[in-house]
Amino acid sequence: MFDPKHPPQNLDDIRALMAELPKADETAREAVIAREPHLTKPEGSLGRLEEISLWLAEWQGNPRPRASRPRVTIFAGSHGVCDQGVSAFPASVNQQMVENFINGGAAINQICKAVDAELRVMEVALEIPTNDFSREAAMLDEDCAEAMAFGMSAVETGLDVFVPGEMGIGNTTAAAAISHALFGGTPEDWTGRGTGIDDSTLALKTRVVGDAVILHRNQMRDGLDVLRCVGGREIAAMAGAILAARLQRVPVVLDGYVSCAAAAILHHIRHDALDHCLVGHLSSEPGHRNLVEKLGKKPLLDFNMRLGEGSGAALTLPLLRAAAACHNDMATFETAHVSKREED
């Protein structure tokens, strides 16, 4: 179990944490399944809302699930691979956008206000770019573990839903390299326009992704090695937060491409590592569709978004609240004196 007083020191410590992950609470699951047929509606008529309420309950360990204290946390990091010219924006935008988040001026600020979610911003050594992974590993083992441990500290007792978001110019290049390294295919399968790059920059970005995976392939034995070689500190922090949420039984709603790439690191090590996660939305970044299919997930929304920041996932929070409210507060056939369907 993760002890914040004794955080992991290296990636082997992370591997040890992943060896014994808690499973869904069967008692809460059975209670939800038993109550559902008695609610005043045709069986299964609320579709995925019923799946959501069951998922919330079994991971919260509560037969009456809730989504009253959700938190969106943006992890911000800098990428050395930006030196290769793979992004439409300079790396200086990282700090500028963090200040915008703090001042309440970004899209995610408005979304969190609208959906009544707490927003936090965590800088992951923002002033220190990772190494340019087209030339050398992005991080040392200990640096990667430190970033994961930092992310783990973001998940506190009492949260009932956690949304990991990110800010990092160049991080769709890292997400593409992670996905390509984990799942194969071609660099073109995983590389998109990110913040809106032109055709020549897309060709460069694709080449950087492919060359980086070739450069590091002999070092990448598992997902954590992939993260160390071609990831970023904010991606490592998200992976750490997702792992910590599992250890503390906090349901997670994943956001877009970069968020899911962080989750894929854990999935590569254990295919059940993301059972406590839903994917909030389908990004318009082309690699994201491929990635969620590899993860075996079905996004809740498809709004053609590609902003990051946790924005698409945050939009699903009213759905989670509605699912919990329907399960918890609907009358039963008995209490409402409504006739049930006659048995065949």
Protein backbone atom coordinates (compact mmCIF):
# COMPACT_ATOMS: atom_id res chain seq x y z
CA MET A 1 0.00 0.00 0.00
CA PHE A 2 1.20 3.51 -0.81
CA ASP A 3 2.51 5.37 2.23
CA PRO A 4 2.91 9.11 1.53
CA LYS A 5 5.54 9.26 4.28
CA HIS A 6 7.60 6.69 2.36
CA PRO A 7 7.05 7.40 -1.35
CA PRO A 8 8.49 5.08 -4.00
CA GLN A 9 12.14 5.79 -4.73
CA ASN A 10 12.48 4.00 -8.05
CA LEU A 11 10.43 2.23 -10.68
CA ASP A 12 10.88 -1.15 -9.01
CA ASP A 13 9.05 0.30 -6.01
CA ILE A 14 6.20 1.23 -8.37
CA ARG A 15 6.20 -2.30 -9.80
CA ALA A 16 5.92 -3.67 -6.27
CA LEU A 17 2.90 -1.44 -5.58
CA MET A 18 1.23 -2.77 -8.71
CA ALA A 19 1.69 -6.38 -7.69
CA GLU A 20 -1.32 -6.33 -5.38
CA LEU A 21 -4.09 -4.00 -6.49
CA PRO A 22 -7.41 -3.89 -4.63
CA LYS A 23 -10.39 -5.26 -6.49
CA ALA A 24 -13.91 -3.89 -6.77
CA ASP A 25 -16.07 -4.20 -3.66
CA GLU A 26 -18.32 -7.21 -4.24
CA THR A 27 -20.68 -6.40 -1.36
CA ALA A 28 -21.47 -2.95 -2.79
CA ARG A 29 -21.78 -4.44 -6.27
CA GLU A 30 -24.27 -7.08 -5.15
CA ALA A 31 -26.32 -4.49 -3.25
CA VAL A 32 -26.64 -2.29 -6.34
CA ILE A 33 -27.58 -5.25 -8.52
CA ALA A 34 -30.20 -6.33 -5.97
CA ARG A 35 -31.77 -2.85 -5.70
CA GLU A 36 -31.87 -2.01 -9.40
CA PRO A 37 -34.85 -4.25 -10.40
CA HIS A 38 -37.02 -2.65 -7.72
CA LEU A 39 -36.65 0.92 -9.03
CA THR A 40 -39.61 2.46 -10.86
CA LYS A 41 -38.42 1.95 -14.43
CA PRO A 42 -38.20 -0.86 -16.95
CA GLU A 43 -35.15 -3.02 -16.35
CA GLY A 44 -32.07 -1.63 -18.13
CA SER A 45 -33.94 1.45 -19.37
CA LEU A 46 -31.31 3.91 -18.10
CA GLY A 47 -28.61 2.22 -20.18
CA ARG A 48 -25.09 3.37 -19.35
CA LEU A 49 -26.31 5.38 -16.37
CA GLU A 50 -26.97 2.05 -14.68
CA GLU A 51 -23.46 0.90 -15.57
CA ILE A 52 -22.03 4.11 -14.12
CA SER A 53 -23.86 3.83 -10.81
CA LEU A 54 -22.68 0.23 -10.45
CA TRP A 55 -19.10 1.22 -11.30
CA LEU A 56 -19.13 4.09 -8.80
CA ALA A 57 -20.52 1.86 -6.07
CA GLU A 58 -18.12 -1.02 -6.49
CA TRP A 59 -15.04 1.24 -6.50
CA GLN A 60 -16.21 3.51 -3.71
CA GLY A 61 -17.27 0.47 -1.68
CA ASN A 62 -20.62 2.14 -1.14
CA PRO A 63 -23.99 0.69 -2.23
CA ARG A 64 -25.25 4.27 -2.46
CA PRO A 65 -22.66 5.81 -4.79
CA ARG A 66 -21.94 9.51 -4.93
CA ALA A 67 -20.16 12.13 -7.01
CA SER A 68 -20.40 15.01 -4.57
CA ARG A 69 -16.68 15.71 -4.20
CA PRO A 70 -14.98 15.40 -7.58
CA ARG A 71 -11.57 16.88 -8.21
CA VAL A 72 -9.87 17.80 -11.47
CA THR A 73 -6.10 18.06 -11.14
CA ILE A 74 -3.97 19.48 -13.94
CA PHE A 75 -0.38 18.25 -14.00
CA ALA A 76 1.95 20.57 -15.92
CA GLY A 77 5.34 19.56 -17.31
CA SER A 78 7.92 20.54 -19.92
CA HIS A 79 9.24 18.39 -22.76
CA GLY A 80 12.74 18.53 -24.18
CA VAL A 81 11.52 17.00 -27.44
CA CYS A 82 10.03 20.41 -28.25
CA ASP A 83 13.55 21.34 -29.35
CA GLN A 84 12.84 19.27 -32.47
CA GLY A 85 10.07 21.66 -33.57
CA VAL A 86 7.18 19.22 -33.12
CA SER A 87 4.65 21.72 -31.75
CA ALA A 88 2.91 24.82 -33.03
CA PHE A 89 3.59 26.61 -29.72
CA PRO A 90 6.82 27.39 -27.87
CA ALA A 91 7.57 25.73 -24.52
CA SER A 92 7.16 29.12 -22.79
CA VAL A 93 3.39 28.66 -23.15
CA ASN A 94 3.54 26.06 -20.35
CA GLN A 95 4.15 28.61 -17.59
CA GLN A 96 1.82 31.13 -19.21
CA MET A 97 -1.03 28.62 -19.23
CA VAL A 98 -0.37 27.57 -15.64
CA GLU A 99 -0.77 31.22 -14.65
CA ASN A 100 -3.96 31.33 -16.69
CA PHE A 101 -5.32 28.31 -14.78
CA ILE A 102 -4.42 29.92 -11.47
CA ASN A 103 -6.09 33.19 -12.53
CA GLY A 104 -9.25 31.38 -13.61
CA GLY A 105 -9.02 32.22 -17.29
CA ALA A 106 -8.85 28.83 -19.03
CA ALA A 107 -11.60 26.67 -20.45
CA ILE A 108 -11.18 24.12 -17.65
CA ASN A 109 -11.82 26.83 -15.07
CA GLN A 110 -15.17 27.61 -16.65
CA ILE A 111 -16.08 23.94 -17.02
CA CYS A 112 -15.23 23.18 -13.39
CA LYS A 113 -17.38 26.09 -12.25
CA ALA A 114 -20.25 24.89 -14.42
CA VAL A 115 -20.09 21.30 -13.17
CA ASP A 116 -19.22 22.18 -9.54
CA ALA A 117 -15.84 20.47 -9.45
CA GLU A 118 -12.74 21.41 -7.50
CA LEU A 119 -9.73 22.31 -9.66
CA ARG A 120 -6.10 22.05 -8.66
CA VAL A 121 -2.91 22.70 -10.62
CA MET A 122 0.32 20.84 -9.86
CA GLU A 123 3.57 21.84 -11.56
CA VAL A 124 5.84 18.82 -12.06
CA ALA A 125 9.29 20.44 -12.16
CA LEU A 126 7.87 22.71 -14.85
CA GLU A 127 11.06 24.75 -15.08
CA ILE A 128 13.12 21.64 -15.94
CA PRO A 129 12.32 20.07 -19.34
CA THR A 130 12.74 16.35 -19.72
CA ASN A 131 15.60 15.23 -21.92
CA ASP A 132 14.91 15.29 -25.65
CA PHE A 133 13.81 11.68 -26.08
CA SER A 134 14.74 11.71 -29.76
CA ARG A 135 18.36 11.68 -28.50
CA GLU A 136 18.32 10.08 -25.03
CA ALA A 137 15.88 8.73 -22.45
CA ALA A 138 13.46 11.41 -21.28
CA MET A 139 14.07 10.67 -17.59
CA LEU A 140 16.28 8.71 -15.27
CA ASP A 141 14.62 5.90 -13.32
CA GLU A 142 14.62 7.88 -10.06
CA ASP A 143 13.32 11.05 -11.72
CA CYS A 144 10.44 9.16 -13.29
CA ALA A 145 9.56 7.51 -9.97
CA GLU A 146 9.74 10.89 -8.23
CA ALA A 147 7.25 12.37 -10.71
CA MET A 148 4.93 9.38 -10.21
CA ALA A 149 5.15 9.75 -6.43
CA PHE A 150 4.33 13.45 -6.77
CA GLY A 151 1.24 12.52 -8.77
CA MET A 152 0.26 9.96 -6.15
CA SER A 153 0.11 12.72 -3.54
CA ALA A 154 -2.73 14.38 -5.48
CA VAL A 155 -5.29 11.73 -4.50
CA GLU A 156 -6.52 12.47 -0.99
CA THR A 157 -8.87 10.62 1.31
CA GLY A 158 -12.45 11.78 0.87
CA LEU A 159 -12.47 12.31 -2.90
CA ASP A 160 -15.19 10.34 -4.63
CA VAL A 161 -14.14 10.97 -8.26
CA PHE A 162 -10.74 11.98 -9.63
CA VAL A 163 -10.05 13.51 -13.05
CA PRO A 164 -6.40 13.77 -14.15
CA GLY A 165 -5.71 16.54 -16.66
CA GLU A 166 -2.51 17.89 -18.15
CA MET A 167 -0.68 20.82 -19.67
CA GLY A 168 2.58 20.33 -21.54
CA ILE A 169 3.60 21.63 -24.94
CA GLY A 170 4.88 18.62 -26.89
CA ASN A 171 3.01 16.04 -24.84
CA THR A 172 0.98 14.62 -27.73
CA THR A 173 4.35 13.69 -29.24
CA ALA A 174 5.14 11.83 -26.02
CA ALA A 175 1.67 10.24 -26.00
CA ALA A 176 2.16 9.05 -29.58
CA ALA A 177 5.60 7.60 -28.76
CA ILE A 178 4.21 5.83 -25.67
CA SER A 179 1.30 4.38 -27.63
CA HIS A 180 3.51 3.28 -30.52
CA ALA A 181 5.99 1.65 -28.13
CA LEU A 182 3.25 -0.15 -26.18
CA PHE A 183 0.97 -1.28 -29.00
CA GLY A 184 3.07 -1.33 -32.17
CA GLY A 185 1.65 -0.38 -35.55
CA THR A 186 3.23 2.51 -37.42
CA PRO A 187 4.12 5.99 -36.16
CA GLU A 188 1.41 7.33 -38.48
CA ASP A 189 -1.21 5.31 -36.55
CA TRP A 190 -0.49 7.28 -33.40
CA THR A 191 0.68 10.74 -34.45
CA GLY A 192 -1.72 13.63 -34.98
CA ARG A 193 -1.75 17.40 -35.28
CA GLY A 194 -1.85 18.13 -31.55
CA THR A 195 -2.26 21.88 -31.14
CA GLY A 196 -2.79 22.33 -34.88
CA ILE A 197 0.50 21.77 -36.68
CA ASP A 198 0.84 22.00 -40.46
CA ASP A 199 1.64 19.14 -42.83
CA SER A 200 5.41 19.55 -42.76
CA THR A 201 5.50 19.67 -38.96
CA LEU A 202 3.24 16.61 -38.79
CA ALA A 203 5.70 14.74 -41.00
CA LEU A 204 8.56 15.79 -38.71
CA LYS A 205 6.61 14.84 -35.59
CA THR A 206 5.78 11.42 -37.02
CA ARG A 207 9.41 10.80 -37.87
CA VAL A 208 10.53 11.84 -34.38
CA VAL A 209 8.04 9.41 -32.82
CA GLY A 210 9.14 6.50 -34.99
CA ASP A 211 12.85 7.16 -34.58
CA ALA A 212 12.53 7.53 -30.80
CA VAL A 213 10.82 4.16 -30.40
CA ILE A 214 13.55 2.52 -32.49
CA LEU A 215 16.25 4.29 -30.46
CA HIS A 216 14.95 3.08 -27.10
CA ARG A 217 13.32 -0.23 -27.96
CA ASN A 218 16.02 -2.37 -26.34
CA GLN A 219 15.51 -0.54 -23.04
CA MET A 220 11.70 -0.69 -22.99
CA ARG A 221 10.83 -3.94 -21.23
CA ASP A 222 7.52 -2.81 -19.71
CA GLY A 223 5.24 0.20 -19.50
CA LEU A 224 7.33 1.95 -16.87
CA ASP A 225 10.41 1.68 -19.05
CA VAL A 226 8.41 3.18 -21.91
CA LEU A 227 7.35 6.04 -19.65
CA ARG A 228 10.93 6.68 -18.58
CA CYS A 229 12.27 6.61 -22.13
CA VAL A 230 9.68 8.58 -24.11
CA GLY A 231 7.26 10.05 -21.58
CA GLY A 232 7.13 13.26 -19.60
CA ARG A 233 6.96 14.28 -15.97
CA GLU A 234 3.31 15.32 -16.12
CA ILE A 235 2.47 12.00 -17.80
CA ALA A 236 4.34 10.16 -15.04
CA ALA A 237 2.46 12.19 -12.43
CA MET A 238 -0.87 11.26 -14.03
CA ALA A 239 0.11 7.60 -14.07
CA GLY A 240 1.02 7.89 -10.39
CA ALA A 241 -2.29 9.56 -9.57
CA ILE A 242 -4.27 6.89 -11.42
CA LEU A 243 -2.39 4.20 -9.50
CA ALA A 244 -2.92 5.96 -6.17
CA ALA A 245 -6.63 6.26 -6.93
CA ARG A 246 -6.78 2.50 -7.44
CA LEU A 247 -4.99 1.86 -4.16
CA GLN A 248 -7.44 4.17 -2.36
CA ARG A 249 -10.55 2.97 -4.26
CA VAL A 250 -11.27 6.31 -5.90
CA PRO A 251 -12.99 6.08 -9.31
CA VAL A 252 -11.13 7.87 -12.11
CA VAL A 253 -12.46 9.51 -15.27
CA LEU A 254 -9.74 9.69 -17.89
CA ASP A 255 -9.57 12.57 -20.34
CA GLY A 256 -8.08 12.55 -23.83
CA TYR A 257 -5.02 11.20 -25.60
CA VAL A 258 -2.32 12.19 -23.10
CA SER A 259 -4.36 11.14 -20.07
CA CYS A 260 -5.08 7.75 -21.64
CA ALA A 261 -1.43 7.32 -22.62
CA ALA A 262 -0.54 7.73 -18.94
CA ALA A 263 -3.15 5.11 -18.06
CA ALA A 264 -1.84 2.78 -20.77
CA ILE A 265 1.47 2.59 -18.92
CA LEU A 266 -0.31 0.82 -16.06
CA HIS A 267 -2.48 -1.26 -18.38
CA HIS A 268 0.62 -2.65 -20.06
CA ILE A 269 1.83 -4.00 -16.73
CA ARG A 270 -1.57 -5.33 -15.60
CA HIS A 271 -4.58 -5.50 -17.89
CA ASP A 272 -6.90 -5.08 -14.90
CA ALA A 273 -5.09 -1.97 -13.66
CA LEU A 274 -7.69 0.38 -15.16
CA ASP A 275 -10.85 -1.36 -13.93
CA HIS A 276 -11.48 1.68 -11.71
CA CYS A 277 -11.34 4.03 -14.73
CA LEU A 278 -13.82 5.27 -17.31
CA VAL A 279 -12.84 7.25 -20.41
CA GLY A 280 -14.70 10.54 -20.35
CA HIS A 281 -14.59 11.49 -24.01
CA LEU A 282 -13.18 10.60 -27.39
CA SER A 283 -10.59 13.12 -28.51
CA SER A 284 -10.38 14.22 -32.12
CA GLU A 285 -6.66 13.37 -31.94
CA PRO A 286 -6.63 10.27 -34.21
CA GLY A 287 -4.41 8.14 -31.99
CA HIS A 288 -6.88 8.42 -29.13
CA ARG A 289 -9.49 6.27 -30.87
CA ASN A 290 -6.88 3.57 -31.40
CA LEU A 291 -5.74 3.85 -27.82
CA VAL A 292 -9.15 3.55 -26.13
CA GLU A 293 -9.83 0.47 -28.25
CA LYS A 294 -6.56 -1.07 -27.04
CA LEU A 295 -7.58 -0.26 -23.47
CA GLY A 296 -10.98 -1.89 -23.99
CA LYS A 297 -12.87 1.28 -23.03
CA LYS A 298 -15.90 3.07 -24.48
CA PRO A 299 -15.85 6.88 -24.05
CA LEU A 300 -18.92 8.53 -22.57
CA LEU A 301 -18.86 11.61 -24.85
CA ASP A 302 -17.71 12.42 -28.37
CA PHE A 303 -17.67 16.21 -28.75
CA ASN A 304 -14.75 16.51 -31.19
CA MET A 305 -12.61 18.06 -28.44
CA ARG A 306 -8.81 18.01 -28.24
CA LEU A 307 -7.97 20.61 -25.60
CA GLY A 308 -6.61 18.45 -22.79
CA GLU A 309 -6.64 20.04 -19.31
CA GLY A 310 -9.13 17.35 -18.19
CA SER A 311 -11.83 19.31 -20.02
CA GLY A 312 -13.65 16.45 -21.75
CA ALA A 313 -13.62 14.24 -18.67
CA ALA A 314 -14.88 17.06 -16.44
CA LEU A 315 -17.93 17.43 -18.67
CA THR A 316 -19.04 13.92 -17.68
CA LEU A 317 -19.36 14.73 -13.99
CA PRO A 318 -23.07 15.70 -14.24
CA LEU A 319 -23.67 12.30 -15.85
CA LEU A 320 -22.04 10.61 -12.88
CA ARG A 321 -24.16 12.64 -10.47
CA ALA A 322 -27.30 11.81 -12.40
CA ALA A 323 -26.44 8.11 -12.37
CA ALA A 324 -25.87 8.12 -8.62
CA ALA A 325 -29.04 10.14 -7.95
CA CYS A 326 -31.21 7.84 -10.03
CA HIS A 327 -29.96 4.77 -8.21
CA ASN A 328 -30.07 6.29 -4.73
CA ASP A 329 -33.21 8.40 -4.82
CA MET A 330 -35.69 6.78 -7.18
CA ALA A 331 -38.69 5.23 -5.50
CA THR A 332 -39.13 1.50 -5.62
CA PHE A 333 -42.22 -0.14 -7.03
CA GLU A 334 -43.23 -1.02 -3.49
CA THR A 335 -42.79 2.45 -1.92
CA ALA A 336 -44.39 4.26 -4.87
CA HIS A 337 -47.24 1.74 -5.14
CA VAL A 338 -46.51 1.28 -8.84
CA SER A 339 -47.39 -2.03 -10.43
CA LYS A 340 -44.47 -4.07 -11.68
CA ARG A 341 -44.34 -5.71 -15.06
CA GLU A 342 -46.18 -9.00 -15.05
CA GLU A 343 -43.97 -12.06 -15.32
CA ASP A 344 -44.25 -14.07 -18.52
